[in-house]
C-alpha cells in the first residue's frame, strides 16, 4: 500500500513513533514530533488493518523542537527525496537533545501507568529537581554534542557487494554506510567504511573503553567456500595494514550439522514450538542447526579490556578492568558503566560484611562494586547464564574468596538468594517475569535494585513486585541511547512493611 496522508501528530508512544488518526484509524508515525502537521507515507497496513504505520516525508507545520537530522541516511525527509527508506537506529535524530529527553520522560510515565498500573507522581519518590516531575538524565554533558559518538559497540550487516550496511526500521533492505555518527570516533572515522567485506554476513565493531583501538568480529557467511574464506582473511589482514587503529580482527565461522529432532508421536512433528528466527523443517525430522562457532584471530587479541568504574581492592590487588570477549555483553554507551554504578551505589545500602546477589551479572560490572563494598568479611553471589561472560567474571574474581561466580540461568538458582542485604538485577530487554519476581519476594532481601533497558518489561515486573507489597522507593531514568527512543532506568524497591 502506497499512500500519502496529511496528519495532525498526537503524543509520542513507546517504540519511537507518534500517534495520529486518519478517518478514525490509528496511524503510528515515525520521524514526527507531537504537535506537528505532516505529510506521511504509509509503510504498512491495508484497508482491513486495525492500524497503519507511516514515515514523515514532508513537514507542513514543524515543531519548535525540530532540527536538521544529525545523520543524513537516517533522515526520513532526505530519504524520501532519494526514493528510499531511512536507515534505522536514529529515529529521534530530528529532535533537539533536551526535547528528546522530555518525550522519553513522558513515554516512561505513560508506560508505568498503562502497563504497571501506577502513577510515578503517587510514589513520593526523591526528586532531582524541585518541579516534581520525572526527568531523563543526560550522561554526556560536556558541550553541544547532539547525541553523537557514544556507542562503543555497533553491529553491521554486509551487503552483497561487501559493504557495511544497516537496515531500515521493519525492513530487510540494506543501506550502505559511509560512517556511523552515533559510534565513538575511533569506529566512525575508521577505514571499515568502504572496505570490501565480501564473504562476511555481519561485522561487529567494538571500541573498548571508548578508546582509540577498534576490535572487529567478522562473521563469515554460512556455507562459505574455502577459497572465498581465505580471500576474506587476506582482505582483513590488508585492512589492519591500511588502518592500524583496527588493532584486533577475529574471524568467526559457524559449522552446521544435520541432527535428528525428537518427534511428537501424535503429530509426527519435532517437539517444541518454532521460535523467532527459526525455520520449519523441510520434509523430514532432521534439521540443520548451528553446532559450533570457531574463532580465528587474524591480528591482535581475542579479548578486549573494559575499565571498571569502581576500583575494587581484593586480596591485595586492585581490580581496575575486566577482559571480555567482544561478542559478550557490555554496556554500549561510553559513560553507561560509570553512570549506572553511581546510581546503584547512591540507592543501595550495603553494609561492610554484608551479603549481595548480582543477577544477570554479565562480566561483573556490579559484582565488582559489591565486592568492594562488602569487603572480605562479606559475600557476593554473581549469577550469569552466558558462558563467556561468566568465565570472564570467574577470571576477574579468582582471588576473591568472598565472591562466588555461578554460571546458570537465574530461574534455576532462585533458592540461592536468601539472606541477602541487597539484590541487584540487570536483566535483558524481556525483563525477569513472574517466576523470578516470586523468587525475589521469597528471598526477602532488604533492598532490590532493578536496572532496566526496557520500560514496558520493567513496568510489568514492577507491578508484580508492588502487588506483593514491595514499595518503589527511588527511581532514575538515563538517556543512555541518544537519538533513539530507548532509555535506561534504575529503581529501588524496599520490602513490605510486614517484614
Protein backbone atom coordinates (compact mmCIF):
# COMPACT_ATOMS: atom_id res chain seq x y z
CA UNK A 1 0.00 0.00 0.00
CA UNK A 2 1.47 3.35 -1.11
CA UNK A 3 -0.49 6.32 0.14
CA UNK A 4 0.49 9.72 1.49
CA UNK A 5 -1.67 11.35 4.16
CA UNK A 6 -1.81 14.74 5.82
CA UNK A 7 -1.82 14.12 9.58
CA UNK A 8 -2.04 16.07 12.83
CA UNK A 9 0.53 14.45 15.09
CA UNK A 10 -0.51 13.38 18.58
CA UNK A 11 1.55 12.14 21.53
CA UNK A 12 4.75 10.12 21.43
CA UNK A 13 4.23 6.42 22.13
CA UNK A 14 6.68 3.78 23.28
CA UNK A 15 8.62 2.40 20.32
CA UNK A 16 9.75 5.61 18.68
CA UNK A 17 6.56 6.61 16.87
CA UNK A 18 3.87 9.23 17.42
CA UNK A 19 0.15 8.51 17.36
CA UNK A 20 -2.07 10.12 14.74
CA UNK A 21 -5.54 9.34 13.42
CA UNK A 22 -6.91 9.21 9.90
CA UNK A 23 -10.64 8.73 9.43
CA UNK A 24 -10.81 7.01 12.82
CA UNK A 25 -7.88 4.65 12.20
CA UNK A 26 -4.73 4.85 14.33
CA UNK A 27 -1.55 5.65 12.40
CA UNK A 28 1.84 5.14 14.07
CA UNK A 29 4.10 7.81 12.57
CA UNK A 30 7.87 7.75 12.81
CA UNK A 31 10.14 10.79 12.39
CA UNK A 32 7.45 13.16 13.69
CA UNK A 33 7.17 15.36 16.80
CA UNK A 34 3.96 15.83 18.80
CA UNK A 35 2.03 18.90 17.67
CA UNK A 36 3.29 18.91 14.08
CA UNK A 37 1.28 18.74 10.86
CA UNK A 38 3.00 16.45 8.37
CA UNK A 39 2.65 14.51 5.18
CA UNK A 40 3.39 10.85 5.88
CA UNK A 41 3.73 7.89 3.56
CA UNK A 42 2.10 4.64 4.64
CA UNK A 43 4.71 1.89 5.03
CA UNK A 44 2.49 -0.86 6.46
CA UNK A 45 -1.24 -1.56 6.53
CA UNK A 46 -4.10 -2.23 4.18
CA UNK A 47 -7.78 -1.39 4.12
CA UNK A 48 -8.61 -4.09 6.67
CA UNK A 49 -5.74 -3.34 9.06
CA UNK A 50 -6.53 -2.09 12.57
CA UNK A 51 -3.71 0.45 12.32
CA UNK A 52 -1.21 1.74 9.82
CA UNK A 53 2.46 2.65 10.06
CA UNK A 54 3.92 5.65 8.27
CA UNK A 55 7.09 7.71 7.81
CA UNK A 56 7.11 11.50 7.59
CA UNK A 57 8.04 12.71 4.11
CA UNK A 58 7.13 16.41 4.45
CA UNK A 59 6.68 18.74 7.41
CA UNK A 60 3.91 21.28 6.89
CA UNK A 61 3.87 22.83 10.36
CA UNK A 62 7.14 22.00 12.17
CA UNK A 63 7.66 21.81 15.91
CA UNK A 64 9.91 24.37 17.57
CA UNK A 65 11.99 21.37 18.66
CA UNK A 66 12.68 20.06 15.15
CA UNK A 67 16.24 20.29 13.87
CA UNK A 68 18.05 19.10 10.77
CA UNK A 69 18.66 15.41 11.29
CA UNK A 70 22.09 14.58 12.67
CA UNK A 71 22.53 11.66 10.22
CA UNK A 72 21.65 12.06 6.56
CA UNK A 73 20.95 8.36 5.93
CA UNK A 74 18.53 8.20 8.88
CA UNK A 75 16.62 11.34 7.85
CA UNK A 76 13.18 10.39 6.51
CA UNK A 77 12.86 13.67 4.59
CA UNK A 78 16.10 13.23 2.66
CA UNK A 79 15.41 9.51 2.26
CA UNK A 80 12.10 10.33 0.56
CA UNK A 81 13.87 12.73 -1.79
CA UNK A 82 16.16 9.86 -2.80
CA UNK A 83 13.31 7.32 -3.10
CA UNK A 84 14.49 5.04 -0.30
CA UNK A 85 13.72 4.27 3.32
CA UNK A 86 15.69 5.89 6.16
CA UNK A 87 18.19 3.69 7.95
CA UNK A 88 17.11 2.59 11.43
CA UNK A 89 18.83 3.32 14.71
CA UNK A 90 18.48 7.12 14.97
CA UNK A 91 14.71 7.68 14.93
CA UNK A 92 14.95 10.71 17.27
CA UNK A 93 17.79 12.42 15.41
CA UNK A 94 15.45 15.16 14.12
CA UNK A 95 14.53 16.25 17.68
CA UNK A 96 16.60 18.61 19.82
CA UNK A 97 18.53 16.88 22.60
CA UNK A 98 16.61 18.27 25.56
CA UNK A 99 13.21 17.66 23.97
CA UNK A 100 14.16 14.04 23.26
CA UNK A 101 14.59 13.60 26.99
CA UNK A 102 11.27 15.33 27.74
CA UNK A 103 9.49 12.97 25.35
CA UNK A 104 11.21 9.95 26.85
CA UNK A 105 10.13 11.02 30.34
CA UNK A 106 6.53 11.31 29.13
CA UNK A 107 6.71 7.87 27.48
CA UNK A 108 8.20 6.34 30.63
CA UNK A 109 5.46 7.83 32.83
CA UNK A 110 2.74 6.70 30.44
CA UNK A 111 4.18 3.17 30.25
CA UNK A 112 4.22 2.84 34.03
CA UNK A 113 0.57 3.91 34.14
CA UNK A 114 -0.58 1.82 31.18
CA UNK A 115 1.29 -1.44 31.91
CA UNK A 116 2.32 -1.08 35.53
CA UNK A 117 -0.97 0.38 36.69
CA UNK A 118 0.69 3.02 38.89
CA UNK A 119 1.43 6.71 38.70
CA UNK A 120 5.02 7.78 39.29
CA UNK A 121 3.77 11.01 40.87
CA UNK A 122 1.93 8.98 43.53
CA UNK A 123 5.07 7.11 44.67
CA UNK A 124 6.57 10.03 46.64
CA UNK A 125 9.98 9.47 45.09
CA UNK A 126 13.07 11.55 45.79
CA UNK A 127 13.27 14.14 43.02
CA UNK A 128 16.43 15.50 41.43
CA UNK A 129 14.65 18.81 40.79
CA UNK A 130 12.01 20.84 42.53
CA UNK A 131 9.28 20.62 39.90
CA UNK A 132 8.03 17.20 40.99
CA UNK A 133 8.49 15.73 37.53
CA UNK A 134 10.45 12.68 36.43
CA UNK A 135 13.43 13.77 34.35
CA UNK A 136 15.50 11.67 31.98
CA UNK A 137 19.10 12.45 32.82
CA UNK A 138 21.78 13.32 30.31
CA UNK A 139 25.05 11.41 30.73
CA UNK A 140 27.01 13.32 28.09
CA UNK A 141 27.20 16.87 29.36
CA UNK A 142 30.50 18.14 28.00
CA UNK A 143 29.05 20.57 25.47
CA UNK A 144 26.68 20.60 22.49
CA UNK A 145 27.34 17.10 21.24
CA UNK A 146 23.89 16.46 19.68
CA UNK A 147 23.89 12.90 20.97
CA UNK A 148 26.78 11.77 18.78
CA UNK A 149 29.75 9.46 19.31
CA UNK A 150 28.53 7.48 22.32
CA UNK A 151 28.26 3.91 21.02
CA UNK A 152 31.27 1.71 21.79
CA UNK A 153 29.66 -1.26 20.05
CA UNK A 154 27.94 -1.39 16.67
CA UNK A 155 26.68 -4.34 14.63
CA UNK A 156 26.68 -4.01 10.86
CA UNK A 157 25.19 -6.16 8.14
CA UNK A 158 27.19 -6.75 4.96
CA UNK A 159 25.68 -6.13 1.53
CA UNK A 160 26.08 -8.42 -1.48
CA UNK A 161 28.82 -6.03 -2.64
CA UNK A 162 30.70 -6.44 0.66
CA UNK A 163 29.89 -3.01 2.11
CA UNK A 164 28.97 -2.37 5.74
CA UNK A 165 25.23 -1.68 5.85
CA UNK A 166 22.25 -1.22 8.14
CA UNK A 167 18.55 -1.91 7.70
CA UNK A 168 15.61 0.50 7.77
CA UNK A 169 13.03 0.01 10.51
CA UNK A 170 10.99 -3.18 9.96
CA UNK A 171 12.71 -3.87 6.64
CA UNK A 172 15.29 -6.31 5.32
CA UNK A 173 16.67 -3.83 2.81
CA UNK A 174 20.34 -2.96 3.26
CA UNK A 175 21.59 0.61 3.04
CA UNK A 176 25.33 1.01 2.57
CA UNK A 177 27.09 3.23 5.10
CA UNK A 178 29.83 5.83 4.80
CA UNK A 179 30.13 6.20 8.57
CA UNK A 180 28.17 5.77 11.79
CA UNK A 181 27.92 9.08 13.68
CA UNK A 182 26.42 7.56 16.83
CA UNK A 183 29.56 5.44 17.22
CA UNK A 184 32.62 6.73 19.04
CA UNK A 185 35.09 8.48 16.77
CA UNK A 186 37.51 5.56 16.62
CA UNK A 187 34.79 3.49 14.91
CA UNK A 188 33.13 6.27 12.92
CA UNK A 189 36.40 7.52 11.44
CA UNK A 190 38.00 4.12 10.82
CA UNK A 191 38.71 2.52 7.45
CA UNK A 192 35.95 -0.09 7.80
CA UNK A 193 33.53 2.06 5.81
CA UNK A 194 34.21 1.49 2.15
CA UNK A 195 36.16 -1.71 2.78
CA UNK A 196 35.27 -4.93 0.97
CA UNK A 197 33.88 -7.50 3.41
CA UNK A 198 32.61 -9.89 0.74
CA UNK A 199 32.12 -13.32 2.28
CA UNK A 200 31.01 -11.89 5.64
CA UNK A 201 27.42 -11.86 6.85
CA UNK A 202 27.93 -9.23 9.55
CA UNK A 203 30.67 -7.25 11.27
CA UNK A 204 30.67 -6.23 14.93
CA UNK A 205 32.87 -3.26 15.83
CA UNK A 206 34.00 -2.70 19.43
CA UNK A 207 35.95 0.22 20.88
CA UNK A 208 36.59 -0.98 24.42
CA UNK A 209 36.50 1.85 26.95
CA UNK A 210 35.72 4.22 24.05
CA UNK A 211 39.43 4.07 23.27
CA UNK A 212 41.34 4.54 20.03
CA UNK A 213 41.78 0.81 19.35
CA UNK A 214 38.99 -0.95 17.45
CA UNK A 215 38.27 -4.68 17.51
CA UNK A 216 36.33 -6.29 14.67
CA UNK A 217 34.44 -9.56 14.98
CA UNK A 218 33.75 -10.63 11.40
CA UNK A 219 31.12 -13.35 10.94
CA UNK A 220 31.63 -15.36 7.75
CA UNK A 221 28.56 -16.32 5.75
CA UNK A 222 27.20 -19.78 6.38
CA UNK A 223 28.43 -22.27 3.81
CA UNK A 224 31.26 -20.07 2.60
CA UNK A 225 33.79 -21.92 0.46
CA UNK A 226 37.40 -22.38 1.48
CA UNK A 227 38.72 -20.16 -1.33
CA UNK A 228 36.33 -17.33 -0.51
CA UNK A 229 37.09 -17.65 3.21
CA UNK A 230 40.81 -17.42 2.52
CA UNK A 231 40.28 -14.32 0.36
CA UNK A 232 38.27 -12.73 3.16
CA UNK A 233 41.07 -13.43 5.62
CA UNK A 234 43.62 -11.80 3.29
CA UNK A 235 41.49 -8.67 2.93
CA UNK A 236 41.10 -8.45 6.70
CA UNK A 237 44.89 -8.53 7.10
CA UNK A 238 45.12 -5.79 4.50
CA UNK A 239 42.55 -3.74 6.42
CA UNK A 240 44.74 -3.84 9.51
CA UNK A 241 47.69 -2.70 7.44
CA UNK A 242 45.62 0.12 5.97
CA UNK A 243 44.35 1.27 9.38
CA UNK A 244 46.47 0.11 12.35
CA UNK A 245 43.86 1.53 14.77
CA UNK A 246 41.87 -1.56 13.88
CA UNK A 247 44.06 -3.38 16.34
CA UNK A 248 42.30 -6.74 16.52
CA UNK A 249 40.33 -8.69 13.94
CA UNK A 250 38.66 -12.02 14.72
CA UNK A 251 37.06 -14.15 12.04
CA UNK A 252 34.09 -16.27 13.17
CA UNK A 253 32.98 -19.27 11.15
CA UNK A 254 29.96 -21.40 12.01
CA UNK A 255 29.56 -25.04 11.09
CA UNK A 256 26.09 -26.56 10.82
CA UNK A 257 25.44 -30.23 11.36
CA UNK A 258 22.36 -32.19 10.48
CA UNK A 259 20.73 -33.55 13.61
CA UNK A 260 17.60 -35.56 14.22
CA UNK A 261 14.99 -33.78 16.30
CA UNK A 262 12.91 -35.95 18.64
CA UNK A 263 9.42 -36.32 17.22
CA UNK A 264 5.98 -35.91 18.68
CA UNK A 265 4.36 -39.29 18.21
CA UNK A 266 0.88 -37.89 17.66
CA UNK A 267 1.73 -35.29 15.07
CA UNK A 268 4.97 -36.66 13.72
CA UNK A 269 6.46 -33.18 14.16
CA UNK A 270 9.55 -32.21 16.13
CA UNK A 271 8.83 -31.30 19.73
CA UNK A 272 8.67 -27.65 20.71
CA UNK A 273 7.40 -24.50 19.07
CA UNK A 274 9.35 -22.62 16.50
CA UNK A 275 10.96 -19.57 18.00
CA UNK A 276 11.66 -16.29 16.31
CA UNK A 277 14.23 -16.70 13.56
CA UNK A 278 13.91 -20.46 13.38
CA UNK A 279 12.88 -22.16 10.19
CA UNK A 280 10.48 -25.06 9.79
CA UNK A 281 11.83 -28.48 8.93
CA UNK A 282 11.94 -29.37 5.27
CA UNK A 283 10.30 -32.69 4.62
CA UNK A 284 11.89 -34.75 7.38
CA UNK A 285 12.55 -34.89 11.11
CA UNK A 286 16.07 -33.66 10.54
CA UNK A 287 17.05 -30.01 10.66
CA UNK A 288 20.23 -28.06 10.33
CA UNK A 289 21.26 -26.04 13.35
CA UNK A 290 24.41 -24.14 14.27
CA UNK A 291 26.64 -26.57 16.12
CA UNK A 292 29.94 -24.82 16.63
CA UNK A 293 31.42 -21.40 16.05
CA UNK A 294 35.18 -21.24 15.56
CA UNK A 295 37.17 -18.04 16.09
CA UNK A 296 40.41 -17.26 14.29
CA UNK A 297 42.48 -14.26 15.36
CA UNK A 298 43.60 -12.54 12.17
CA UNK A 299 45.53 -9.91 14.11
CA UNK A 300 45.69 -8.64 17.66
CA UNK A 301 43.89 -10.23 20.60
CA UNK A 302 40.86 -12.47 21.09
CA UNK A 303 39.69 -10.35 24.04
CA UNK A 304 39.07 -6.69 24.82
CA UNK A 305 39.67 -4.86 28.09
CA UNK A 306 36.90 -2.77 29.62
CA UNK A 307 37.69 -0.38 32.52
CA UNK A 308 35.72 -0.81 35.73
CA UNK A 309 34.28 2.43 37.16
CA UNK A 310 34.87 1.20 40.72
CA UNK A 311 38.39 0.16 41.65
CA UNK A 312 37.92 -2.99 43.69
CA UNK A 313 40.72 -3.88 46.07
CA UNK A 314 40.66 -7.64 46.52
CA UNK A 315 43.30 -9.84 48.12
CA UNK A 316 45.86 -7.05 47.91
CA UNK A 317 45.15 -6.49 44.20
CA UNK A 318 43.42 -3.54 42.57
CA UNK A 319 40.85 -4.63 40.01
CA UNK A 320 40.60 -1.78 37.52
CA UNK A 321 39.42 -3.60 34.39
CA UNK A 322 37.89 -6.80 33.09
CA UNK A 323 38.79 -8.77 29.98
CA UNK A 324 35.87 -10.00 27.93
CA UNK A 325 35.23 -11.47 24.51
CA UNK A 326 33.97 -8.88 22.00
CA UNK A 327 30.76 -10.87 21.44
CA UNK A 328 29.85 -10.83 25.13
CA UNK A 329 27.57 -8.24 26.71
CA UNK A 330 28.85 -4.89 27.92
CA UNK A 331 27.06 -1.56 28.18
CA UNK A 332 27.29 0.17 24.81
CA UNK A 333 27.23 3.83 25.92
CA UNK A 334 30.73 5.01 26.77
CA UNK A 335 29.53 6.57 30.04
CA UNK A 336 26.99 3.89 30.95
CA UNK A 337 29.12 1.77 33.32
CA UNK A 338 30.08 4.73 35.48
CA UNK A 339 26.59 6.29 35.40
CA UNK A 340 24.79 3.07 36.32
CA UNK A 341 27.20 2.03 39.06
CA UNK A 342 26.97 5.53 40.55
CA UNK A 343 23.15 5.35 40.54
CA UNK A 344 23.08 1.89 42.12
CA UNK A 345 25.62 2.98 44.72
CA UNK A 346 23.50 6.01 45.66
CA UNK A 347 20.39 3.86 46.20
CA UNK A 348 21.71 0.67 47.77
CA UNK A 349 22.77 0.41 51.39
CA UNK A 350 25.44 -2.28 51.53
CA UNK A 351 26.98 -2.71 54.99
CA UNK A 352 30.59 -3.72 55.50
CA UNK A 353 30.47 -7.50 55.72
CA UNK A 354 27.07 -7.54 54.01
CA UNK A 355 25.64 -10.00 51.51
CA UNK A 356 24.78 -9.04 47.92
CA UNK A 357 23.50 -11.00 44.93
CA UNK A 358 24.11 -9.72 41.40
CA UNK A 359 21.67 -11.29 38.93
CA UNK A 360 22.19 -11.24 35.15
CA UNK A 361 25.67 -10.15 36.17
CA UNK A 362 27.44 -10.29 32.83
CA UNK A 363 31.19 -10.00 33.27
CA UNK A 364 30.84 -8.50 36.75
CA UNK A 365 30.24 -4.74 36.49
CA UNK A 366 28.01 -4.58 39.58
CA UNK A 367 29.74 -7.57 41.16
CA UNK A 368 32.97 -5.56 41.36
CA UNK A 369 31.07 -2.69 43.00
CA UNK A 370 29.51 -5.08 45.53
CA UNK A 371 32.80 -6.86 46.23
CA UNK A 372 34.43 -3.57 47.14
CA UNK A 373 31.62 -2.51 49.48
CA UNK A 374 31.11 -5.79 51.32
CA UNK A 375 34.81 -6.34 51.88
CA UNK A 376 36.46 -9.65 52.62
CA UNK A 377 34.06 -10.37 55.50
CA UNK A 378 31.03 -10.14 53.25
CA UNK A 379 29.71 -12.29 50.44
CA UNK A 380 28.74 -11.63 46.83
CA UNK A 381 26.92 -14.08 44.59
CA UNK A 382 27.30 -13.28 40.88
CA UNK A 383 24.89 -15.15 38.58
CA UNK A 384 25.09 -15.09 34.78
CA UNK A 385 23.74 -17.52 32.22
CA UNK A 386 26.06 -16.74 29.29
CA UNK A 387 29.18 -18.93 29.47
CA UNK A 388 31.58 -16.37 28.00
CA UNK A 389 30.61 -13.52 30.32
CA UNK A 390 30.54 -15.82 33.33
CA UNK A 391 34.01 -17.10 32.54
CA UNK A 392 35.29 -13.51 32.38
CA UNK A 393 33.82 -12.87 35.82
CA UNK A 394 35.32 -16.08 37.19
CA UNK A 395 38.75 -14.99 35.98
CA UNK A 396 38.31 -11.48 37.36
CA UNK A 397 37.32 -12.67 40.85
CA UNK A 398 39.52 -15.76 41.03
CA UNK A 399 41.42 -14.31 44.00
CA UNK A 400 38.32 -13.08 45.82
CA UNK A 401 37.12 -15.82 48.21
CA UNK A 402 34.08 -13.78 49.22
CA UNK A 403 32.83 -13.65 45.60
CA UNK A 404 31.10 -16.70 44.14
CA UNK A 405 30.53 -16.66 40.38
CA UNK A 406 27.81 -19.02 39.23
CA UNK A 407 27.12 -19.74 35.56
CA UNK A 408 23.42 -20.63 35.40
CA UNK A 409 20.05 -19.22 34.37
CA UNK A 410 18.69 -17.14 37.23
CA UNK A 411 15.46 -19.14 37.22
CA UNK A 412 17.33 -22.29 38.24
CA UNK A 413 19.11 -20.84 41.28
CA UNK A 414 16.44 -18.75 42.97
CA UNK A 415 16.90 -20.87 46.10
CA UNK A 416 20.39 -19.33 46.48
CA UNK A 417 19.08 -15.79 47.00
CA UNK A 418 18.13 -15.96 50.67
CA UNK A 419 19.80 -13.93 53.44
CA UNK A 420 20.85 -11.05 51.19
CA UNK A 421 21.01 -7.42 52.17
CA UNK A 422 20.75 -6.27 48.55
CA UNK A 423 19.86 -7.99 45.29
CA UNK A 424 20.87 -6.15 42.12
CA UNK A 425 19.47 -7.29 38.79
CA UNK A 426 20.17 -6.06 35.28
CA UNK A 427 18.11 -8.35 33.05
CA UNK A 428 17.87 -8.35 29.25
CA UNK A 429 15.17 -6.39 27.45
CA UNK A 430 12.50 -9.01 28.18
CA UNK A 431 12.76 -8.37 31.92
CA UNK A 432 12.54 -11.13 34.53
CA UNK A 433 8.95 -12.37 34.58
CA UNK A 434 6.71 -13.80 37.27
CA UNK A 435 8.90 -16.74 38.30
CA UNK A 436 11.90 -14.57 39.14
CA UNK A 437 9.76 -11.90 40.81
CA UNK A 438 8.28 -14.61 43.05
CA UNK A 439 11.82 -15.80 43.84
CA UNK A 440 12.94 -12.28 44.71
CA UNK A 441 9.97 -11.84 47.01
CA UNK A 442 10.61 -15.19 48.72
CA UNK A 443 14.30 -14.30 49.21
CA UNK A 444 13.19 -11.23 51.19
CA UNK A 445 16.28 -9.01 50.82
CA UNK A 446 16.42 -5.59 52.47
CA UNK A 447 16.56 -3.92 49.06
CA UNK A 448 16.08 -4.79 45.39
CA UNK A 449 17.81 -2.58 42.83
CA UNK A 450 16.41 -3.16 39.33
CA UNK A 451 18.37 -1.87 36.31
CA UNK A 452 16.29 -1.94 33.13
CA UNK A 453 16.70 -1.03 29.47
CA UNK A 454 13.02 -1.55 28.58
CA UNK A 455 10.19 0.46 30.21
CA UNK A 456 7.43 -1.99 29.29
CA UNK A 457 9.01 -5.07 30.85
CA UNK A 458 10.11 -3.04 33.86
CA UNK A 459 6.54 -1.78 34.33
CA UNK A 460 5.24 -5.35 34.25
CA UNK A 461 7.82 -6.57 36.77
CA UNK A 462 7.35 -3.51 38.99
CA UNK A 463 3.61 -4.15 39.03
CA UNK A 464 4.25 -7.73 40.13
CA UNK A 465 6.62 -6.65 42.91
CA UNK A 466 4.28 -3.94 44.13
CA UNK A 467 1.33 -6.34 44.16
CA UNK A 468 3.35 -8.31 46.73
CA UNK A 469 3.75 -5.27 48.93
CA UNK A 470 7.14 -4.01 47.71
CA UNK A 471 7.42 -0.23 47.54
CA UNK A 472 9.06 1.75 44.76
CA UNK A 473 11.36 3.91 46.89
CA UNK A 474 13.57 5.56 44.28
CA UNK A 475 13.80 5.85 40.51
CA UNK A 476 16.13 7.43 37.99
CA UNK A 477 15.98 7.31 34.20
CA UNK A 478 19.02 7.88 31.99
CA UNK A 479 19.40 8.86 28.35
CA UNK A 480 21.92 6.15 27.51
CA UNK A 481 20.73 5.94 23.90
CA UNK A 482 20.62 9.49 22.48
CA UNK A 483 18.83 9.98 19.16
CA UNK A 484 16.86 6.77 19.70
CA UNK A 485 13.66 6.10 21.68
CA UNK A 486 15.46 3.79 24.12
CA UNK A 487 16.28 4.66 27.74
CA UNK A 488 17.67 3.03 30.89
CA UNK A 489 16.22 3.12 34.39
CA UNK A 490 17.46 2.27 37.88
CA UNK A 491 14.82 1.60 40.53
CA UNK A 492 14.97 0.81 44.23
CA UNK A 493 12.35 -1.42 45.85
CA UNK A 494 12.01 -1.83 49.60
CA UNK A 495 10.26 -4.75 51.27
CA UNK A 496 6.68 -4.93 52.51
CA UNK A 497 6.15 -3.35 55.90
CA UNK A 498 5.13 -6.70 57.36
CA UNK A 499 8.77 -7.86 57.22
